[in-house]
Amino acid sequence: MDEKLNFLKSTAPYAALPENILAELSILLEEVSYFEETKVFDQGIQKLKGIQIIESGSFETFFMDQTKAKRKLEIYQAGSTCGGISILFNKRKSLKTVIAKAGTKTYFLPKKEFKRICTEFEDFFDYFANDFGKRMLDDEYAHFYKNNNTLEDNYLVVDQLYSSTIKSVSYRNIVDSLESTPIFEVAKKMAALKTSCLFIKNSENQYVGFVTDITLRDRVIAEQVNPNYPVGSIMDNQIVSISAYAYVYEAILLMFSSKSRYLLVEDDGQFVGFLSRNRLLSEQTKSPLVFIQSVKSATNIDDLKTKWQKVPSIVAQLLERGVHAEIVNQVITTIADTISNKIIEDVIRKIGPPPAKFVFMVLGSEGRKELSLKTDQDNAIIYEDTSEEQRAMVRSYFLDFATQVSDKLNYVGFVYCDGDYMATNPNWTHSLSHWKYNYKNWIEEALPEAAIKFAAFFDCRAIYGDLEMMQNLREFVDDELKKPIEKFYVYLAKNALLYEPPLTYFKNIKTQKIESKEVFDIKTAMTPIVDLVRVYALQNRIFQRENTGERLRTLKDLGAFNQTQFNELTQSYYYLMGLRLKNQANQILKDHVSPNNLIEINNLTKIEKVTLIEIFKTILNFQSGIKMKFTNSLI
């Protein structure tokens, strides 16, 4: 028994587990000895009953290709765990063939116990998730992984992910304590109830934070904090919640965007349980959201570039399975945000910590979470106001920071913005007070060019930094929009009328000839809907609804649009978005050219042409309505 326990204590990732858990595992471990050349697992056929931890000897592991040749051969030495990735990410089917070498002895742990430890201990699960993510960066490994699965099992497409609500999955019961409870009592409660996450309430019975095994390790044991101190002094104070009626994919995307590992589940005004990101991901291992987890584990800029190059195939598969374009937009945007965050953190490690609080915000389509596959950079920086003697130094830091971030984003595939709406432009990297001055001027000037700038910067979203700073700016703009500014809305409306749908006088699709092909610009065709909805969102001061679909739903609830208008605009917009994404994915994957927004008319079916004509008529009708409402004119 002591031999097994000592072995676990010196072997990753088991060594990081609590002593009592290691003692339990050492009792459960079964010794297995193998003769030379024993086939332990058979690629794609055998379902694993548990993991094998090599105590002595070695395993030879490989993929077998169609010619029976060994590919991606690896030798697993003593201390290695074999089978963890297959259980967590391949529905228990062995990914590779595994052959034991002479004198190999292993410790076998049943899958039930292995998955239990993965569920309860985040770091333990991350060890295998990160290993899997790094392996998936290798194209050959990814090729065999995908080919190990049928089309129905493809890890990029699981329909239930987009149709199942939180209520239909099993979430865990909430364990909580008051923030005044001593740390040691909280630790005892977590041990007794076998939970790795405990939520903290204040004296008014409101949830204000949580603690995990990692919190206790990093903030108590490592820092030698007195265990009699109140748990509120060391808790994580980020509380994120979601409705039980939200979809599973929404929960996972929210976890990535908020960088939270846990979500409280709310039903009818009450918190009824909580979800762990790793648990959700382990249950959705064939989804594109596991791909996002692998992006988080990328180790360098080349890894990130490789990841971004895989996105078109994800988009193509999702659209082929009929996944709604709004969801596909969110998947692309979350991947892009994850890459941007990795780059920002890398630059900060390189040049040193920021001299002031700041927020890095994205604008335009990324600000609306509506990224397509033709992407450029639209971003800006807000930093806190500092003393006069520090201003030059602070500004210099953030302009240098912006340049390095922008260069890395460009290398990955987010090209520089032709209009220079980037934080590298000194006009778009400023203090909070200067940004307030900008917004105030744009509103008060009520000039066409000011309205265009305001429209661009209304579609903004913080992806890194001090989110309270962004909220402060939003509240300021909200107050400014309450003032009488009719002329400002007139110019915004006129801005929304600059582009008209591509219809001829006889209501056919208007095209232009480029390189002997008849094409139309689908981005330009979609712009009137985006602009129209933005004007109504501004008039109703809707700040918390970022994408066009969310804004439309809120405007319908407020009575700005009736159900028929909502249906027409929503269906029109996302039909165009789906066509746009499909066209760009085909350009990259089939035509091997850079994506653009030009749709070749001869590639469309008759049904698609008829549908587009009806959509363009709908947009024209709504533009007539906005002319009357905001400009009192039909001209």
Foldseek 3Di string as FASTA:
>chain_A
DVVQLVLLCPAPPSVPDDSVLSVVQSVQWDKDWDAAFDWPAAALPDFDQFKWQWQAAWKWKFAQDPVRDGHPIDIGGHRDIAQPCCVQFVVRHHHITITTHHGIMIITHGPVSVVLCVQADVVRVLVNLLVVLVQCLDVVSVVSSQVSDDPCLALADDPLQQVAFLLPDDFAFAAEDEQQAFQVVVVVVCVVVVHQKHFYAYPVRDTFFIGGPVLCVVVPVVVVNDSRGGNNVRTGRDAAEDERGHGNLVVLLVCLQVVHQKYFYDYPRDGGGMDGNSVSCSVSSSHCSSLLVSCLSDDDLVSLLSSLLCLLVSLQSCVVVPNFLLSNLQSNLSSVLSNLVVLLVVLCVVPHHQPFFKFKKFWDCSLLSRDANQAAGAIAMETADDDPVCVVVNLVVQLVSQVSSRVSSCVSPHHYDPVNNGHNPSVRYYYLVVVLVLLLCLQVVLDLVSLVVVLGVLSMDTRDTDVVSVVVSLVSNLVSLVDPRLSNLLSLLVVLVPAAQQADPVLFGHFDADPNFTKDFLVSNLSSLQSLLSSVCSNVSPRPNNHSLSSLVVCCVVVVDDPVLSVLSVVLNRVSSSVQNNQQSCCCPPVVDHGHRIDGPVVDDPVVRVVSSVSSVSSVVVSQVSCCVRVVDSD
